[in-house]
Amino acid sequence: MSALSDSFSLLDLELFVRTAQTGNLSQAAREMNLQPATASASLKRLEQKLEARLIVRSTRSLRLTPAGEIFLTHARQALHTLLEARNSLHDDQTILRGQLRIAAPSDFGRTILRSWLDEFQDLHPQLNLMLLLSDRLTDFYRESVDFALRYGVPSDSSLIIKPLLPNVRRVLVAAPQYIERYGAPENPQALIDHETLAWVIRRNAAETQVHDEWTFTRGAQTQRISVQPRRTSDDGAIVRDWAVAGCGIAYKSALDVANDLAAGRLVRLLPEWEGENSPLNLMMAFREHQPPAVRQALQFLGEKAALLNRA
């Protein structure tokens, strides 16, 4: 950290991180109240000190070079460390300040996480909160996110993974009006003849994967059914809304549809067949030099999840 602080100004580091986050140097400059010429000079100064090209710019796009990708991780960590050092100068260490940025699945964020974070912010009124709801995978090296909650385990082995809700089953659900119109499937294989609704995993801007293989277990028997969904979305909340509206059968996390099942808006189908486990995990890019707000938020969410696990 000392080498970074000796060589680079805080402005240069922050501008570079914001530019990588927004994908636009002009927007990053506006957010920092800098003139475009000042921002360009700052980026050029940083590249000269590193003796490496960090960003490739064209008239319409901006992308990080391989060197930029590597430096972004260290620059972001350096900024976290500086923020923690600044916060440590306050007399009352129990007061959390700054901004906490959390990414979470859309359904879980609305139905459960939001109320948890409301309670956490009530305990720490000087803390600003940004909740980013999306079902796409989080790019920690481009997005300024303190941590993310995601179902399943990502392929990126460099991330720190901490189980939050390790036992979350998917359940098969449909609205009463759908069942009245089309009937309920008698077994998993019968799903092939029904209207189904599927979630799309957006891995990046160019790559998507439809979650159209549904797994069910009954005793020692396992069935994997490849459905042909009529409607798909990369937003899990939209899939849930379609199911509630009677548009088809969905295969959802039990957490996401618990309120709908209790209220009768959805009905569980084939309850004798157990859906696949889709654990909810906390993910972050690094563990060192976490600001106090991040450490306490992780502890708070862990305590909330423990109560939910025992329920």
Protein backbone atom coordinates (compact mmCIF):
# COMPACT_ATOMS: atom_id res chain seq x y z
CA MET A 1 0.00 0.00 0.00
CA SER A 2 2.81 2.40 0.87
CA ALA A 3 4.32 1.96 -2.57
CA LEU A 4 1.02 2.81 -4.19
CA SER A 5 0.45 5.86 -2.06
CA ASP A 6 3.99 7.10 -2.72
CA SER A 7 3.74 6.67 -6.48
CA PHE A 8 0.15 7.57 -7.32
CA SER A 9 -2.27 10.22 -6.20
CA LEU A 10 -5.60 9.26 -4.69
CA LEU A 11 -7.34 11.16 -7.52
CA ASP A 12 -5.54 9.10 -10.18
CA LEU A 13 -6.50 5.82 -8.53
CA GLU A 14 -10.12 6.80 -7.95
CA LEU A 15 -10.56 8.08 -11.48
CA PHE A 16 -9.13 4.88 -12.95
CA VAL A 17 -11.41 2.69 -10.79
CA ARG A 18 -14.49 4.78 -11.64
CA THR A 19 -13.63 4.72 -15.33
CA ALA A 20 -13.36 0.92 -15.26
CA GLN A 21 -16.64 0.73 -13.34
CA THR A 22 -18.64 3.02 -15.64
CA GLY A 23 -16.87 2.12 -18.88
CA ASN A 24 -16.75 5.81 -19.73
CA LEU A 25 -14.01 8.31 -18.88
CA SER A 26 -16.30 11.32 -19.37
CA GLN A 27 -18.91 9.92 -16.98
CA ALA A 28 -16.25 9.14 -14.38
CA ALA A 29 -14.97 12.71 -14.71
CA ARG A 30 -18.47 14.13 -14.21
CA GLU A 31 -19.00 12.02 -11.09
CA MET A 32 -15.76 13.41 -9.66
CA ASN A 33 -16.44 17.00 -10.81
CA LEU A 34 -13.39 17.00 -13.07
CA GLN A 35 -12.90 18.63 -16.43
CA PRO A 36 -12.43 16.14 -19.32
CA ALA A 37 -8.92 17.44 -19.94
CA THR A 38 -8.02 16.94 -16.27
CA ALA A 39 -9.37 13.39 -16.35
CA SER A 40 -7.43 12.53 -19.51
CA ALA A 41 -4.26 13.96 -18.00
CA SER A 42 -4.80 11.96 -14.80
CA LEU A 43 -5.17 8.70 -16.70
CA LYS A 44 -2.15 9.48 -18.87
CA ARG A 45 -0.09 10.31 -15.77
CA LEU A 46 -1.04 6.99 -14.18
CA GLU A 47 -0.08 5.03 -17.31
CA GLN A 48 3.25 6.87 -17.53
CA LYS A 49 4.11 6.04 -13.94
CA LEU A 50 3.21 2.39 -14.48
CA GLU A 51 4.86 2.31 -17.89
CA ALA A 52 1.87 0.31 -19.10
CA ARG A 53 -1.27 0.92 -21.15
CA LEU A 54 -4.31 0.47 -18.89
CA ILE A 55 -7.23 1.44 -21.11
CA VAL A 56 -7.88 1.23 -24.83
CA ARG A 57 -10.27 3.93 -26.04
CA SER A 58 -12.15 4.39 -29.29
CA THR A 59 -14.84 6.88 -30.28
CA ARG A 60 -17.61 4.65 -28.92
CA SER A 61 -16.10 2.21 -26.45
CA LEU A 62 -13.56 1.72 -23.70
CA ARG A 63 -11.99 -1.48 -22.44
CA LEU A 64 -9.28 -2.46 -20.02
CA THR A 65 -6.06 -3.97 -21.29
CA PRO A 66 -4.74 -7.14 -19.60
CA ALA A 67 -2.44 -4.87 -17.57
CA GLY A 68 -5.45 -2.72 -16.68
CA GLU A 69 -7.40 -5.74 -15.45
CA ILE A 70 -4.54 -6.69 -13.14
CA PHE A 71 -3.96 -3.17 -11.85
CA LEU A 72 -7.69 -2.60 -11.24
CA THR A 73 -7.75 -5.25 -8.51
CA HIS A 74 -4.83 -3.64 -6.67
CA ALA A 75 -6.11 -0.09 -7.17
CA ARG A 76 -9.51 -0.98 -5.75
CA GLN A 77 -7.93 -2.70 -2.77
CA ALA A 78 -5.71 0.35 -2.18
CA LEU A 79 -8.75 2.64 -2.14
CA HIS A 80 -10.48 0.34 0.34
CA THR A 81 -7.42 0.51 2.58
CA LEU A 82 -7.28 4.30 2.41
CA LEU A 83 -10.98 4.53 3.24
CA GLU A 84 -10.53 2.23 6.23
CA ALA A 85 -7.58 4.32 7.43
CA ARG A 86 -9.64 7.51 7.12
CA ASN A 87 -12.55 5.99 9.02
CA SER A 88 -10.22 4.80 11.77
CA LEU A 89 -9.39 8.43 12.59
CA HIS A 90 -12.91 9.02 13.90
CA ASP A 91 -13.23 9.02 17.68
CA ASP A 92 -16.24 6.70 17.81
CA GLN A 93 -15.32 3.44 16.10
CA THR A 94 -18.87 2.09 16.43
CA ILE A 95 -20.17 4.61 13.88
CA LEU A 96 -20.14 3.25 10.35
CA ARG A 97 -19.71 5.76 7.54
CA GLY A 98 -19.22 5.71 3.80
CA GLN A 99 -21.12 3.63 1.26
CA LEU A 100 -21.85 -0.08 1.24
CA ARG A 101 -22.51 -1.61 -2.19
CA ILE A 102 -24.17 -5.03 -2.33
CA ALA A 103 -25.28 -7.05 -5.36
CA ALA A 104 -28.02 -9.64 -4.91
CA PRO A 105 -30.53 -11.77 -6.87
CA SER A 106 -33.65 -9.81 -7.75
CA ASP A 107 -36.20 -12.04 -5.99
CA PHE A 108 -34.20 -12.62 -2.81
CA GLY A 109 -33.28 -8.95 -2.69
CA ARG A 110 -36.91 -7.87 -2.73
CA THR A 111 -38.49 -10.55 -0.55
CA ILE A 112 -35.89 -11.01 2.21
CA LEU A 113 -32.63 -9.06 1.89
CA ARG A 114 -34.18 -5.60 1.68
CA SER A 115 -35.78 -5.88 5.12
CA TRP A 116 -32.52 -7.20 6.58
CA LEU A 117 -30.60 -4.24 5.16
CA ASP A 118 -33.27 -1.79 6.35
CA GLU A 119 -32.68 -3.08 9.87
CA PHE A 120 -28.90 -2.88 9.44
CA GLN A 121 -29.07 0.71 8.22
CA ASP A 122 -31.37 1.66 11.11
CA LEU A 123 -28.54 0.54 13.38
CA HIS A 124 -26.03 2.61 11.40
CA PRO A 125 -27.84 5.76 10.15
CA GLN A 126 -24.66 7.42 8.86
CA LEU A 127 -24.00 4.56 6.44
CA ASN A 128 -25.13 4.94 2.83
CA LEU A 129 -26.40 1.82 1.12
CA MET A 130 -26.57 0.85 -2.55
CA LEU A 131 -28.42 -2.39 -3.34
CA LEU A 132 -27.90 -3.66 -6.90
CA LEU A 133 -30.54 -6.24 -7.85
CA SER A 134 -29.68 -8.43 -10.79
CA ASP A 135 -29.47 -12.13 -11.57
CA ARG A 136 -26.44 -11.83 -13.80
CA LEU A 137 -23.03 -12.83 -12.53
CA THR A 138 -21.11 -10.04 -10.81
CA ASP A 139 -17.81 -8.93 -12.33
CA PHE A 140 -15.90 -7.94 -9.21
CA TYR A 141 -12.95 -6.71 -11.24
CA ARG A 142 -15.01 -4.11 -13.10
CA GLU A 143 -17.82 -3.28 -10.69
CA SER A 144 -17.28 -1.47 -7.42
CA VAL A 145 -19.18 -3.99 -5.29
CA ASP A 146 -18.18 -4.80 -1.71
CA PHE A 147 -19.76 -8.25 -1.88
CA ALA A 148 -22.48 -10.13 -3.73
CA LEU A 149 -25.05 -12.76 -2.89
CA ARG A 150 -25.59 -15.38 -5.57
CA TYR A 151 -27.24 -18.77 -5.91
CA GLY A 152 -24.86 -21.61 -6.71
CA VAL A 153 -21.08 -21.57 -6.97
CA PRO A 154 -19.40 -19.50 -9.71
CA SER A 155 -16.69 -20.85 -11.97
CA ASP A 156 -14.29 -18.05 -10.92
CA SER A 157 -12.01 -19.81 -8.41
CA SER A 158 -10.35 -16.52 -7.38
CA LEU A 159 -13.44 -15.36 -5.46
CA ILE A 160 -13.90 -15.77 -1.72
CA ILE A 161 -17.03 -17.90 -1.19
CA LYS A 162 -18.92 -18.04 2.13
CA PRO A 163 -22.13 -20.10 2.43
CA LEU A 164 -25.03 -17.99 3.70
CA LEU A 165 -28.00 -20.31 3.19
CA PRO A 166 -26.48 -23.68 2.22
CA ASN A 167 -29.72 -25.66 1.94
CA VAL A 168 -32.13 -23.95 -0.42
CA ARG A 169 -34.19 -26.27 -2.59
CA ARG A 170 -35.89 -25.36 -5.84
CA VAL A 171 -39.60 -26.06 -5.99
CA LEU A 172 -42.00 -26.48 -8.87
CA VAL A 173 -44.83 -23.92 -8.74
CA ALA A 174 -47.78 -22.66 -10.77
CA ALA A 175 -50.72 -20.33 -10.21
CA PRO A 176 -54.15 -21.80 -9.39
CA GLN A 177 -55.55 -20.39 -12.64
CA TYR A 178 -52.89 -22.21 -14.66
CA ILE A 179 -53.69 -25.51 -12.93
CA GLU A 180 -57.42 -24.99 -13.50
CA ARG A 181 -56.83 -24.41 -17.20
CA TYR A 182 -54.11 -26.96 -18.01
CA GLY A 183 -54.10 -29.34 -15.07
CA ALA A 184 -51.12 -30.31 -12.91
CA PRO A 185 -48.31 -32.59 -14.12
CA GLU A 186 -48.47 -36.08 -12.62
CA ASN A 187 -44.72 -36.64 -12.77
CA PRO A 188 -41.59 -34.71 -13.83
CA GLN A 189 -41.65 -36.19 -17.33
CA ALA A 190 -45.08 -34.64 -17.92
CA LEU A 191 -43.48 -31.16 -17.75
CA ILE A 192 -42.47 -31.59 -21.38
CA ASP A 193 -46.14 -31.11 -22.35
CA HIS A 194 -46.65 -28.00 -20.19
CA GLU A 195 -45.92 -24.29 -20.54
CA THR A 196 -42.71 -23.66 -18.61
CA LEU A 197 -40.91 -20.50 -17.51
CA ALA A 198 -37.13 -20.44 -17.22
CA TRP A 199 -34.40 -18.25 -15.85
CA VAL A 200 -31.53 -17.15 -18.09
CA ILE A 201 -28.05 -16.88 -16.57
CA ARG A 202 -26.24 -13.91 -18.11
CA ARG A 203 -22.54 -14.63 -17.73
CA ASN A 204 -21.41 -11.56 -19.65
CA ALA A 205 -22.61 -9.23 -22.40
CA ALA A 206 -22.26 -11.93 -25.06
CA GLU A 207 -22.89 -15.21 -23.21
CA THR A 208 -26.17 -16.46 -21.75
CA GLN A 209 -27.32 -19.86 -20.56
CA VAL A 210 -30.94 -20.95 -20.18
CA HIS A 211 -31.65 -22.96 -17.03
CA ASP A 212 -33.81 -25.46 -18.89
CA GLU A 213 -32.62 -28.74 -17.31
CA TRP A 214 -34.59 -29.35 -14.13
CA THR A 215 -33.57 -32.07 -11.66
CA PHE A 216 -35.89 -33.90 -9.26
CA THR A 217 -35.20 -36.61 -6.67
CA ARG A 218 -37.51 -39.08 -4.94
CA GLY A 219 -35.72 -41.54 -2.73
CA ALA A 220 -33.01 -43.18 -4.83
CA GLN A 221 -34.64 -42.07 -8.08
CA THR A 222 -33.42 -38.98 -9.96
CA GLN A 223 -34.97 -37.46 -13.06
CA ARG A 224 -33.43 -34.69 -15.18
CA ILE A 225 -35.97 -33.09 -17.46
CA SER A 226 -35.05 -30.83 -20.37
CA VAL A 227 -37.95 -28.42 -20.67
CA GLN A 228 -38.67 -26.17 -23.63
CA PRO A 229 -39.67 -22.88 -22.00
CA ARG A 230 -42.00 -20.58 -23.85
CA ARG A 231 -40.81 -17.59 -21.84
CA THR A 232 -37.35 -16.88 -20.42
CA SER A 233 -35.82 -13.93 -18.59
CA ASP A 234 -32.51 -13.02 -16.96
CA ASP A 235 -34.52 -11.48 -14.10
CA GLY A 236 -35.81 -14.07 -11.64
CA ALA A 237 -38.51 -11.68 -10.41
CA ILE A 238 -40.00 -11.57 -13.92
CA VAL A 239 -40.14 -15.38 -14.01
CA ARG A 240 -41.94 -15.34 -10.67
CA ASP A 241 -44.38 -12.66 -11.89
CA TRP A 242 -45.17 -14.74 -14.98
CA ALA A 243 -45.87 -17.74 -12.76
CA VAL A 244 -48.18 -15.72 -10.48
CA ALA A 245 -49.99 -14.41 -13.58
CA GLY A 246 -50.72 -17.98 -14.70
CA CYS A 247 -48.39 -17.98 -17.71
CA GLY A 248 -46.74 -21.30 -16.90
CA ILE A 249 -44.84 -23.52 -14.46
CA ALA A 250 -41.66 -22.22 -12.83
CA TYR A 251 -38.80 -23.98 -11.04
CA LYS A 252 -37.85 -21.47 -8.36
CA SER A 253 -35.87 -21.19 -5.16
CA ALA A 254 -38.15 -21.94 -2.21
CA LEU A 255 -37.00 -18.64 -0.66
CA ASP A 256 -38.23 -16.63 -3.63
CA VAL A 257 -41.78 -18.02 -3.65
CA ALA A 258 -42.37 -18.67 0.07
CA ASN A 259 -44.70 -15.64 0.42
CA ASP A 260 -46.62 -16.54 -2.74
CA LEU A 261 -47.14 -20.12 -1.56
CA ALA A 262 -48.33 -18.94 1.86
CA ALA A 263 -50.76 -16.46 0.28
CA GLY A 264 -52.09 -18.98 -2.25
CA ARG A 265 -50.87 -17.02 -5.27
CA LEU A 266 -48.82 -20.08 -6.22
CA VAL A 267 -49.28 -23.79 -5.59
CA ARG A 268 -46.44 -26.27 -5.19
CA LEU A 269 -46.50 -29.08 -7.74
CA LEU A 270 -45.09 -32.60 -7.34
CA PRO A 271 -44.22 -32.08 -3.64
CA GLU A 272 -43.15 -35.73 -3.38
CA TRP A 273 -40.26 -34.90 -5.72
CA GLU A 274 -37.42 -32.85 -4.19
CA GLY A 275 -35.87 -30.15 -6.34
CA GLU A 276 -32.15 -29.55 -6.68
CA ASN A 277 -30.24 -27.68 -3.99
CA SER A 278 -29.26 -24.14 -4.94
CA PRO A 279 -27.29 -22.68 -2.02
CA LEU A 280 -27.11 -18.93 -1.51
CA ASN A 281 -23.51 -17.78 -1.07
CA LEU A 282 -21.72 -14.58 -0.14
CA MET A 283 -18.99 -13.75 -2.65
CA MET A 284 -16.22 -11.19 -2.62
CA ALA A 285 -13.04 -10.52 -4.54
CA PHE A 286 -10.71 -10.35 -1.55
CA ARG A 287 -10.81 -10.60 2.23
CA GLU A 288 -7.99 -8.28 3.32
CA HIS A 289 -8.47 -4.65 4.30
CA GLN A 290 -12.26 -4.80 4.47
CA PRO A 291 -13.85 -1.56 5.70
CA PRO A 292 -15.68 -1.85 9.05
CA ALA A 293 -19.05 -1.53 7.27
CA VAL A 294 -18.32 -4.60 5.16
CA ARG A 295 -17.15 -6.68 8.12
CA GLN A 296 -20.18 -5.77 10.22
CA ALA A 297 -22.62 -6.25 7.34
CA LEU A 298 -21.25 -9.74 6.68
CA GLN A 299 -21.60 -10.60 10.37
CA PHE A 300 -25.13 -9.18 10.51
CA LEU A 301 -26.30 -11.09 7.42
CA GLY A 302 -24.73 -14.27 8.78
CA GLU A 303 -26.72 -13.91 11.98
CA LYS A 304 -29.95 -13.30 10.06
CA ALA A 305 -29.31 -16.29 7.83
CA ALA A 306 -28.61 -18.50 10.85
CA LEU A 307 -32.06 -17.66 12.24
CA LEU A 308 -33.63 -18.45 8.86
CA ASN A 309 -31.71 -21.74 8.65
CA ARG A 310 -33.13 -22.78 12.05
CA ALA A 311 -36.69 -21.79 11.14
